[in-house]
Amino acid sequence: MGDVLSMSLHLSWNAPICIDTPHRLLKVVRTPDEALAVMSHSWPDGARAPSYFSAKRACIAALCGNGSSHVARDKFVTACREAQIRFKLMPTLQ
């Protein structure tokens, strides 16, 4: 029988990111899980650079407890920049 993958979907970033999706919808991304959903379903065609894959790996690692959610956020921001996705870093939540 295979190994079971344990994930935590309760991670949240203390400073969300507001992105403008290719469909011209504003989306607030607050967690590595939400970032993965954006990268899987709303990422621009042809914009899957190495930073995109690095951000996906970092988000998965954070969700599995093998990485930092802060690193995942930073890598997601880098991937957005490279893909020329407009974004705004939101104020820190307290």
PDB file of N, CA and C in Angstrom:
ATOM      1  N   MET A   1       0.842  -1.178   0.000  1.00  0.00           N
ATOM      2  CA  MET A   1       0.000   0.000   0.000  1.00  0.00           C
ATOM      3  C   MET A   1       0.890   1.244   0.000  1.00  0.00           C
ATOM      4  N   GLY A   2       0.455   2.319  -0.668  1.00  0.00           N
ATOM      5  CA  GLY A   2       1.240   3.539  -0.782  1.00  0.00           C
ATOM      6  C   GLY A   2       1.226   4.374   0.486  1.00  0.00           C
ATOM      7  N   ASP A   3       2.144   5.331   0.514  1.00  0.00           N
ATOM      8  CA  ASP A   3       2.210   6.256   1.644  1.00  0.00           C
ATOM      9  C   ASP A   3       1.066   7.255   1.561  1.00  0.00           C
ATOM     10  N   VAL A   4       0.648   7.740   2.709  1.00  0.00           N
ATOM     11  CA  VAL A   4      -0.396   8.754   2.782  1.00  0.00           C
ATOM     12  C   VAL A   4       0.274  10.110   2.911  1.00  0.00           C
ATOM     13  N   LEU A   5      -0.166  11.055   2.103  1.00  0.00           N
ATOM     14  CA  LEU A   5       0.373  12.406   2.125  1.00  0.00           C
ATOM     15  C   LEU A   5      -0.470  13.251   3.068  1.00  0.00           C
ATOM     16  N   SER A   6       0.166  13.817   4.073  1.00  0.00           N
ATOM     17  CA  SER A   6      -0.534  14.655   5.038  1.00  0.00           C
ATOM     18  C   SER A   6      -0.356  16.116   4.647  1.00  0.00           C
ATOM     19  N   MET A   7      -1.463  16.860   4.590  1.00  0.00           N
ATOM     20  CA  MET A   7      -1.400  18.263   4.199  1.00  0.00           C
ATOM     21  C   MET A   7      -2.176  19.118   5.193  1.00  0.00           C
ATOM     22  N   SER A   8      -1.716  20.348   5.345  1.00  0.00           N
ATOM     23  CA  SER A   8      -2.415  21.307   6.189  1.00  0.00           C
ATOM     24  C   SER A   8      -2.964  22.420   5.310  1.00  0.00           C
ATOM     25  N   LEU A   9      -4.270  22.572   5.275  1.00  0.00           N
ATOM     26  CA  LEU A   9      -4.881  23.633   4.481  1.00  0.00           C
ATOM     27  C   LEU A   9      -5.226  24.838   5.342  1.00  0.00           C
ATOM     28  N   HIS A  10      -4.664  24.885   6.558  1.00  0.00           N
ATOM     29  CA  HIS A  10      -4.985  25.963   7.495  1.00  0.00           C
ATOM     30  C   HIS A  10      -3.871  26.999   7.586  1.00  0.00           C
ATOM     31  N   LEU A  11      -2.922  26.967   6.658  1.00  0.00           N
ATOM     32  CA  LEU A  11      -1.858  27.963   6.650  1.00  0.00           C
ATOM     33  C   LEU A  11      -2.391  29.241   6.018  1.00  0.00           C
ATOM     34  N   SER A  12      -2.028  30.371   6.574  1.00  0.00           N
ATOM     35  CA  SER A  12      -2.413  31.629   5.936  1.00  0.00           C
ATOM     36  C   SER A  12      -1.252  32.602   6.028  1.00  0.00           C
ATOM     37  N   TRP A  13      -1.195  33.474   5.032  1.00  0.00           N
ATOM     38  CA  TRP A  13      -0.146  34.486   5.001  1.00  0.00           C
ATOM     39  C   TRP A  13      -0.625  35.702   5.779  1.00  0.00           C
ATOM     40  N   ASN A  14       0.289  36.328   6.506  1.00  0.00           N
ATOM     41  CA  ASN A  14      -0.115  37.508   7.278  1.00  0.00           C
ATOM     42  C   ASN A  14      -0.235  38.740   6.391  1.00  0.00           C
ATOM     43  N   ALA A  15       0.218  38.641   5.139  1.00  0.00           N
ATOM     44  CA  ALA A  15       0.077  39.738   4.184  1.00  0.00           C
ATOM     45  C   ALA A  15      -0.391  39.144   2.850  1.00  0.00           C
ATOM     46  N   PRO A  16      -1.698  39.184   2.581  1.00  0.00           N
ATOM     47  CA  PRO A  16      -2.228  38.605   1.346  1.00  0.00           C
ATOM     48  C   PRO A  16      -1.710  39.342   0.101  1.00  0.00           C
ATOM     49  N   ILE A  17      -1.960  38.732  -1.048  1.00  0.00           N
ATOM     50  CA  ILE A  17      -1.560  39.298  -2.330  1.00  0.00           C
ATOM     51  C   ILE A  17      -2.821  39.426  -3.178  1.00  0.00           C
ATOM     52  N   CYS A  18      -3.048  40.592  -3.737  1.00  0.00           N
ATOM     53  CA  CYS A  18      -4.181  40.799  -4.633  1.00  0.00           C
ATOM     54  C   CYS A  18      -3.643  40.742  -6.059  1.00  0.00           C
ATOM     55  N   ILE A  19      -4.157  39.816  -6.868  1.00  0.00           N
ATOM     56  CA  ILE A  19      -3.676  39.684  -8.248  1.00  0.00           C
ATOM     57  C   ILE A  19      -4.799  39.977  -9.232  1.00  0.00           C
ATOM     58  N   ASP A  20      -4.385  40.384 -10.409  1.00  0.00           N
ATOM     59  CA  ASP A  20      -5.298  40.610 -11.524  1.00  0.00           C
ATOM     60  C   ASP A  20      -5.142  39.405 -12.439  1.00  0.00           C
ATOM     61  N   THR A  21      -6.148  38.530 -12.483  1.00  0.00           N
ATOM     62  CA  THR A  21      -6.055  37.305 -13.278  1.00  0.00           C
ATOM     63  C   THR A  21      -6.176  37.647 -14.767  1.00  0.00           C
ATOM     64  N   PRO A  22      -5.777  36.706 -15.637  1.00  0.00           N
ATOM     65  CA  PRO A  22      -5.904  36.941 -17.082  1.00  0.00           C
ATOM     66  C   PRO A  22      -7.342  37.214 -17.520  1.00  0.00           C
ATOM     67  N   HIS A  23      -8.314  36.810 -16.709  1.00  0.00           N
ATOM     68  CA  HIS A  23      -9.724  37.029 -17.034  1.00  0.00           C
ATOM     69  C   HIS A  23     -10.217  38.361 -16.488  1.00  0.00           C
ATOM     70  N   ARG A  24      -9.270  39.200 -16.055  1.00  0.00           N
ATOM     71  CA  ARG A  24      -9.567  40.533 -15.517  1.00  0.00           C
ATOM     72  C   ARG A  24     -10.397  40.495 -14.243  1.00  0.00           C
ATOM     73  N   LEU A  25     -10.172  39.484 -13.447  1.00  0.00           N
ATOM     74  CA  LEU A  25     -10.823  39.401 -12.146  1.00  0.00           C
ATOM     75  C   LEU A  25      -9.774  39.638 -11.069  1.00  0.00           C
ATOM     76  N   LEU A  26     -10.106  40.426 -10.088  1.00  0.00           N
ATOM     77  CA  LEU A  26      -9.209  40.608  -8.959  1.00  0.00           C
ATOM     78  C   LEU A  26      -9.403  39.455  -7.995  1.00  0.00           C
ATOM     79  N   LYS A  27      -8.317  38.909  -7.528  1.00  0.00           N
ATOM     80  CA  LYS A  27      -8.378  37.770  -6.601  1.00  0.00           C
ATOM     81  C   LYS A  27      -7.396  38.021  -5.477  1.00  0.00           C
ATOM     82  N   VAL A  28      -7.852  37.844  -4.249  1.00  0.00           N
ATOM     83  CA  VAL A  28      -6.977  37.956  -3.090  1.00  0.00           C
ATOM     84  C   VAL A  28      -6.490  36.550  -2.751  1.00  0.00           C
ATOM     85  N   VAL A  29      -5.180  36.389  -2.712  1.00  0.00           N
ATOM     86  CA  VAL A  29      -4.557  35.098  -2.411  1.00  0.00           C
ATOM     87  C   VAL A  29      -4.006  35.192  -0.997  1.00  0.00           C
ATOM     88  N   ARG A  30      -4.504  34.317  -0.117  1.00  0.00           N
ATOM     89  CA  ARG A  30      -4.163  34.393   1.303  1.00  0.00           C
ATOM     90  C   ARG A  30      -3.372  33.196   1.822  1.00  0.00           C
ATOM     91  N   THR A  31      -3.307  32.126   1.027  1.00  0.00           N
ATOM     92  CA  THR A  31      -2.704  30.881   1.506  1.00  0.00           C
ATOM     93  C   THR A  31      -1.935  30.177   0.390  1.00  0.00           C
ATOM     94  N   PRO A  32      -1.021  29.271   0.754  1.00  0.00           N
ATOM     95  CA  PRO A  32      -0.363  28.465  -0.281  1.00  0.00           C
ATOM     96  C   PRO A  32      -1.365  27.653  -1.101  1.00  0.00           C
ATOM     97  N   ASP A  33      -2.438  27.198  -0.478  1.00  0.00           N
ATOM     98  CA  ASP A  33      -3.464  26.441  -1.191  1.00  0.00           C
ATOM     99  C   ASP A  33      -4.136  27.311  -2.260  1.00  0.00           C
ATOM    100  N   GLU A  34      -4.462  28.549  -1.912  1.00  0.00           N
ATOM    101  CA  GLU A  34      -5.064  29.465  -2.885  1.00  0.00           C
ATOM    102  C   GLU A  34      -4.082  29.796  -4.000  1.00  0.00           C
ATOM    103  N   ALA A  35      -2.810  29.929  -3.666  1.00  0.00           N
ATOM    104  CA  ALA A  35      -1.793  30.197  -4.687  1.00  0.00           C
ATOM    105  C   ALA A  35      -1.709  29.023  -5.664  1.00  0.00           C
ATOM    106  N   LEU A  36      -1.747  27.803  -5.142  1.00  0.00           N
ATOM    107  CA  LEU A  36      -1.739  26.624  -6.018  1.00  0.00           C
ATOM    108  C   LEU A  36      -2.949  26.622  -6.945  1.00  0.00           C
ATOM    109  N   ALA A  37      -4.101  26.984  -6.429  1.00  0.00           N
ATOM    110  CA  ALA A  37      -5.311  27.026  -7.254  1.00  0.00           C
ATOM    111  C   ALA A  37      -5.170  28.054  -8.373  1.00  0.00           C
ATOM    112  N   VAL A  38      -4.618  29.215  -8.058  1.00  0.00           N
ATOM    113  CA  VAL A  38      -4.405  30.252  -9.077  1.00  0.00           C
ATOM    114  C   VAL A  38      -3.437  29.738 -10.140  1.00  0.00           C
ATOM    115  N   MET A  39      -2.334  29.122  -9.696  1.00  0.00           N
ATOM    116  CA  MET A  39      -1.347  28.634 -10.658  1.00  0.00           C
ATOM    117  C   MET A  39      -1.905  27.498 -11.510  1.00  0.00           C
ATOM    118  N   SER A  40      -2.814  26.730 -10.969  1.00  0.00           N
ATOM    119  CA  SER A  40      -3.383  25.602 -11.703  1.00  0.00           C
ATOM    120  C   SER A  40      -4.520  26.003 -12.642  1.00  0.00           C
ATOM    121  N   HIS A  41      -5.285  27.044 -12.272  1.00  0.00           N
ATOM    122  CA  HIS A  41      -6.499  27.344 -13.022  1.00  0.00           C
ATOM    123  C   HIS A  41      -6.550  28.736 -13.661  1.00  0.00           C
ATOM    124  N   SER A  42      -5.713  29.661 -13.224  1.00  0.00           N
ATOM    125  CA  SER A  42      -5.831  31.036 -13.725  1.00  0.00           C
ATOM    126  C   SER A  42      -4.519  31.596 -14.255  1.00  0.00           C
ATOM    127  N   TRP A  43      -3.517  30.749 -14.424  1.00  0.00           N
ATOM    128  CA  TRP A  43      -2.211  31.237 -14.859  1.00  0.00           C
ATOM    129  C   TRP A  43      -2.235  31.489 -16.359  1.00  0.00           C
ATOM    130  N   PRO A  44      -1.597  32.560 -16.823  1.00  0.00           N
ATOM    131  CA  PRO A  44      -1.602  32.855 -18.261  1.00  0.00           C
ATOM    132  C   PRO A  44      -0.924  31.744 -19.073  1.00  0.00           C
ATOM    133  N   ASP A  45      -1.493  31.471 -20.217  1.00  0.00           N
ATOM    134  CA  ASP A  45      -0.891  30.486 -21.116  1.00  0.00           C
ATOM    135  C   ASP A  45       0.509  30.947 -21.515  1.00  0.00           C
ATOM    136  N   GLY A  46       1.436  30.032 -21.559  1.00  0.00           N
ATOM    137  CA  GLY A  46       2.798  30.340 -21.985  1.00  0.00           C
ATOM    138  C   GLY A  46       3.640  31.049 -20.942  1.00  0.00           C
ATOM    139  N   ALA A  47       3.154  31.140 -19.698  1.00  0.00           N
ATOM    140  CA  ALA A  47       3.892  31.869 -18.660  1.00  0.00           C
ATOM    141  C   ALA A  47       4.375  30.935 -17.556  1.00  0.00           C
ATOM    142  N   ARG A  48       4.657  29.703 -17.915  1.00  0.00           N
ATOM    143  CA  ARG A  48       5.108  28.728 -16.912  1.00  0.00           C
ATOM    144  C   ARG A  48       6.633  28.635 -16.935  1.00  0.00           C
ATOM    145  N   ALA A  49       7.251  29.668 -16.407  1.00  0.00           N
ATOM    146  CA  ALA A  49       8.714  29.762 -16.321  1.00  0.00           C
ATOM    147  C   ALA A  49       9.201  28.941 -15.127  1.00  0.00           C
ATOM    148  N   PRO A  50      10.511  28.790 -14.975  1.00  0.00           N
ATOM    149  CA  PRO A  50      11.041  28.051 -13.823  1.00  0.00           C
ATOM    150  C   PRO A  50      10.522  28.573 -12.477  1.00  0.00           C
ATOM    151  N   SER A  51      10.284  29.875 -12.371  1.00  0.00           N
ATOM    152  CA  SER A  51       9.780  30.419 -11.103  1.00  0.00           C
ATOM    153  C   SER A  51       8.371  29.910 -10.795  1.00  0.00           C
ATOM    154  N   TYR A  52       7.585  29.633 -11.819  1.00  0.00           N
ATOM    155  CA  TYR A  52       6.240  29.068 -11.647  1.00  0.00           C
ATOM    156  C   TYR A  52       6.340  27.698 -10.972  1.00  0.00           C
ATOM    157  N   PHE A  53       7.226  26.849 -11.492  1.00  0.00           N
ATOM    158  CA  PHE A  53       7.378  25.506 -10.931  1.00  0.00           C
ATOM    159  C   PHE A  53       7.993  25.551  -9.534  1.00  0.00           C
ATOM    160  N   SER A  54       8.903  26.498  -9.318  1.00  0.00           N
ATOM    161  CA  SER A  54       9.498  26.672  -7.997  1.00  0.00           C
ATOM    162  C   SER A  54       8.437  27.102  -6.984  1.00  0.00           C
ATOM    163  N   ALA A  55       7.548  27.998  -7.398  1.00  0.00           N
ATOM    164  CA  ALA A  55       6.469  28.461  -6.510  1.00  0.00           C
ATOM    165  C   ALA A  55       5.503  27.320  -6.195  1.00  0.00           C
ATOM    166  N   LYS A  56       5.171  26.509  -7.207  1.00  0.00           N
ATOM    167  CA  LYS A  56       4.275  25.369  -6.955  1.00  0.00           C
ATOM    168  C   LYS A  56       4.905  24.390  -5.969  1.00  0.00           C
ATOM    169  N   ARG A  57       6.197  24.089  -6.162  1.00  0.00           N
ATOM    170  CA  ARG A  57       6.878  23.162  -5.241  1.00  0.00           C
ATOM    171  C   ARG A  57       6.909  23.733  -3.831  1.00  0.00           C
ATOM    172  N   ALA A  58       7.164  25.046  -3.701  1.00  0.00           N
ATOM    173  CA  ALA A  58       7.229  25.672  -2.381  1.00  0.00           C
ATOM    174  C   ALA A  58       5.864  25.649  -1.689  1.00  0.00           C
ATOM    175  N   CYS A  59       4.796  25.868  -2.454  1.00  0.00           N
ATOM    176  CA  CYS A  59       3.445  25.832  -1.872  1.00  0.00           C
ATOM    177  C   CYS A  59       3.104  24.419  -1.409  1.00  0.00           C
ATOM    178  N   ILE A  60       3.434  23.434  -2.218  1.00  0.00           N
ATOM    179  CA  ILE A  60       3.166  22.044  -1.839  1.00  0.00           C
ATOM    180  C   ILE A  60       3.978  21.675  -0.600  1.00  0.00           C
ATOM    181  N   ALA A  61       5.247  22.086  -0.565  1.00  0.00           N
ATOM    182  CA  ALA A  61       6.093  21.800   0.603  1.00  0.00           C
ATOM    183  C   ALA A  61       5.510  22.434   1.859  1.00  0.00           C
ATOM    184  N   ALA A  62       5.040  23.681   1.747  1.00  0.00           N
ATOM    185  CA  ALA A  62       4.445  24.358   2.915  1.00  0.00           C
ATOM    186  C   ALA A  62       3.199  23.608   3.384  1.00  0.00           C
ATOM    187  N   LEU A  63       2.363  23.200   2.446  1.00  0.00           N
ATOM    188  CA  LEU A  63       1.135  22.493   2.798  1.00  0.00           C
ATOM    189  C   LEU A  63       1.413  21.134   3.427  1.00  0.00           C
ATOM    190  N   CYS A  64       2.518  20.514   3.024  1.00  0.00           N
ATOM    191  CA  CYS A  64       2.887  19.200   3.569  1.00  0.00           C
ATOM    192  C   CYS A  64       3.684  19.308   4.860  1.00  0.00           C
ATOM    193  N   GLY A  65       3.986  20.532   5.285  1.00  0.00           N
ATOM    194  CA  GLY A  65       4.758  20.733   6.509  1.00  0.00           C
ATOM    195  C   GLY A  65       6.251  20.582   6.304  1.00  0.00           C
ATOM    196  N   ASN A  66       6.696  20.566   5.048  1.00  0.00           N
ATOM    197  CA  ASN A  66       8.116  20.422   4.736  1.00  0.00           C
ATOM    198  C   ASN A  66       8.755  21.723   4.267  1.00  0.00           C
ATOM    199  N   GLY A  67       8.026  22.811   4.374  1.00  0.00           N
ATOM    200  CA  GLY A  67       8.555  24.100   3.925  1.00  0.00           C
ATOM    201  C   GLY A  67       7.821  25.234   4.608  1.00  0.00           C
ATOM    202  N   SER A  68       8.317  26.415   4.383  1.00  0.00           N
ATOM    203  CA  SER A  68       7.781  27.622   5.004  1.00  0.00           C
ATOM    204  C   SER A  68       6.704  28.254   4.127  1.00  0.00           C
ATOM    205  N   SER A  69       5.613  28.673   4.743  1.00  0.00           N
ATOM    206  CA  SER A  69       4.581  29.370   3.976  1.00  0.00           C
ATOM    207  C   SER A  69       5.086  30.737   3.511  1.00  0.00           C
ATOM    208  N   HIS A  70       6.037  31.327   4.267  1.00  0.00           N
ATOM    209  CA  HIS A  70       6.611  32.617   3.869  1.00  0.00           C
ATOM    210  C   HIS A  70       7.457  32.469   2.609  1.00  0.00           C
ATOM    211  N   VAL A  71       8.206  31.380   2.528  1.00  0.00           N
ATOM    212  CA  VAL A  71       9.001  31.109   1.322  1.00  0.00           C
ATOM    213  C   VAL A  71       8.060  30.886   0.146  1.00  0.00           C
ATOM    214  N   ALA A  72       6.983  30.148   0.375  1.00  0.00           N
ATOM    215  CA  ALA A  72       6.001  29.899  -0.687  1.00  0.00           C
ATOM    216  C   ALA A  72       5.420  31.222  -1.191  1.00  0.00           C
ATOM    217  N   ARG A  73       5.119  32.131  -0.281  1.00  0.00           N
ATOM    218  CA  ARG A  73       4.571  33.444  -0.669  1.00  0.00           C
ATOM    219  C   ARG A  73       5.578  34.211  -1.509  1.00  0.00           C
ATOM    220  N   ASP A  74       6.832  34.249  -1.057  1.00  0.00           N
ATOM    221  CA  ASP A  74       7.873  34.968  -1.802  1.00  0.00           C
ATOM    222  C   ASP A  74       8.054  34.391  -3.205  1.00  0.00           C
ATOM    223  N   LYS A  75       8.029  33.074  -3.307  1.00  0.00           N
ATOM    224  CA  LYS A  75       8.199  32.433  -4.613  1.00  0.00           C
ATOM    225  C   LYS A  75       6.977  32.672  -5.506  1.00  0.00           C
ATOM    226  N   PHE A  76       5.798  32.739  -4.912  1.00  0.00           N
ATOM    227  CA  PHE A  76       4.596  33.053  -5.674  1.00  0.00           C
ATOM    228  C   PHE A  76       4.679  34.474  -6.229  1.00  0.00           C
ATOM    229  N   VAL A  77       5.144  35.415  -5.423  1.00  0.00           N
ATOM    230  CA  VAL A  77       5.306  36.801  -5.881  1.00  0.00           C
ATOM    231  C   VAL A  77       6.305  36.858  -7.038  1.00  0.00           C
ATOM    232  N   THR A  78       7.412  36.132  -6.911  1.00  0.00           N
ATOM    233  CA  THR A  78       8.413  36.096  -7.985  1.00  0.00           C
ATOM    234  C   THR A  78       7.810  35.531  -9.266  1.00  0.00           C
ATOM    235  N   ALA A  79       7.032  34.468  -9.141  1.00  0.00           N
ATOM    236  CA  ALA A  79       6.390  33.866 -10.312  1.00  0.00           C
ATOM    237  C   ALA A  79       5.401  34.840 -10.951  1.00  0.00           C
ATOM    238  N   CYS A  80       4.659  35.584 -10.138  1.00  0.00           N
ATOM    239  CA  CYS A  80       3.740  36.598 -10.669  1.00  0.00           C
ATOM    240  C   CYS A  80       4.499  37.659 -11.452  1.00  0.00           C
ATOM    241  N   ARG A  81       5.610  38.120 -10.882  1.00  0.00           N
ATOM    242  CA  ARG A  81       6.435  39.126 -11.571  1.00  0.00           C
ATOM    243  C   ARG A  81       6.900  38.606 -12.933  1.00  0.00           C
ATOM    244  N   GLU A  82       7.452  37.383 -12.944  1.00  0.00           N
ATOM    245  CA  GLU A  82       7.970  36.813 -14.184  1.00  0.00           C
ATOM    246  C   GLU A  82       6.878  36.614 -15.216  1.00  0.00           C
ATOM    247  N   ALA A  83       5.678  36.265 -14.766  1.00  0.00           N
ATOM    248  CA  ALA A  83       4.561  36.047 -15.684  1.00  0.00           C
ATOM    249  C   ALA A  83       3.874  37.354 -16.063  1.00  0.00           C
ATOM    250  N   GLN A  84       4.371  38.459 -15.530  1.00  0.00           N
ATOM    251  CA  GLN A  84       3.823  39.794 -15.758  1.00  0.00           C
ATOM    252  C   GLN A  84       2.356  39.883 -15.335  1.00  0.00           C
ATOM    253  N   ILE A  85       2.069  39.230 -14.214  1.00  0.00           N
ATOM    254  CA  ILE A  85       0.747  39.324 -13.607  1.00  0.00           C
ATOM    255  C   ILE A  85       0.769  40.524 -12.663  1.00  0.00           C
ATOM    256  N   ARG A  86      -0.172  41.411 -12.854  1.00  0.00           N
ATOM    257  CA  ARG A  86      -0.233  42.572 -11.964  1.00  0.00           C
ATOM    258  C   ARG A  86      -0.683  42.113 -10.588  1.00  0.00           C
ATOM    259  N   PHE A  87       0.002  42.625  -9.571  1.00  0.00           N
ATOM    260  CA  PHE A  87      -0.342  42.246  -8.203  1.00  0.00           C
ATOM    261  C   PHE A  87      -0.049  43.400  -7.272  1.00  0.00           C
ATOM    262  N   LYS A  88      -0.653  43.305  -6.119  1.00  0.00           N
ATOM    263  CA  LYS A  88      -0.425  44.303  -5.067  1.00  0.00           C
ATOM    264  C   LYS A  88      -0.268  43.547  -3.766  1.00  0.00           C
ATOM    265  N   LEU A  89       0.758  43.886  -3.026  1.00  0.00           N
ATOM    266  CA  LEU A  89       0.960  43.289  -1.701  1.00  0.00           C
ATOM    267  C   LEU A  89       0.043  44.031  -0.746  1.00  0.00           C
ATOM    268  N   MET A  90      -0.806  43.282  -0.086  1.00  0.00           N
ATOM    269  CA  MET A  90      -1.797  43.870   0.816  1.00  0.00           C
ATOM    270  C   MET A  90      -1.159  44.148   2.175  1.00  0.00           C
ATOM    271  N   PRO A  91      -1.774  45.017   2.947  1.00  0.00           N
ATOM    272  CA  PRO A  91      -1.244  45.305   4.298  1.00  0.00           C
ATOM    273  C   PRO A  91      -1.239  44.043   5.166  1.00  0.00           C
ATOM    274  N   THR A  92      -0.319  44.013   6.089  1.00  0.00           N
ATOM    275  CA  THR A  92      -0.207  42.892   7.012  1.00  0.00           C
ATOM    276  C   THR A  92      -1.444  42.788   7.877  1.00  0.00           C
ATOM    277  N   LEU A  93      -1.957  41.571   7.998  1.00  0.00           N
ATOM    278  CA  LEU A  93      -3.113  41.333   8.873  1.00  0.00           C
ATOM    279  C   LEU A  93      -2.625  41.140  10.295  1.00  0.00           C
ATOM    280  N   GLN A  94      -3.360  41.624  11.233  1.00  0.00           N
ATOM    281  CA  GLN A  94      -2.952  41.490  12.634  1.00  0.00           C
ATOM    282  C   GLN A  94      -3.819  40.499  13.342  1.00  0.00           C
TER     283      GLN A  94
END
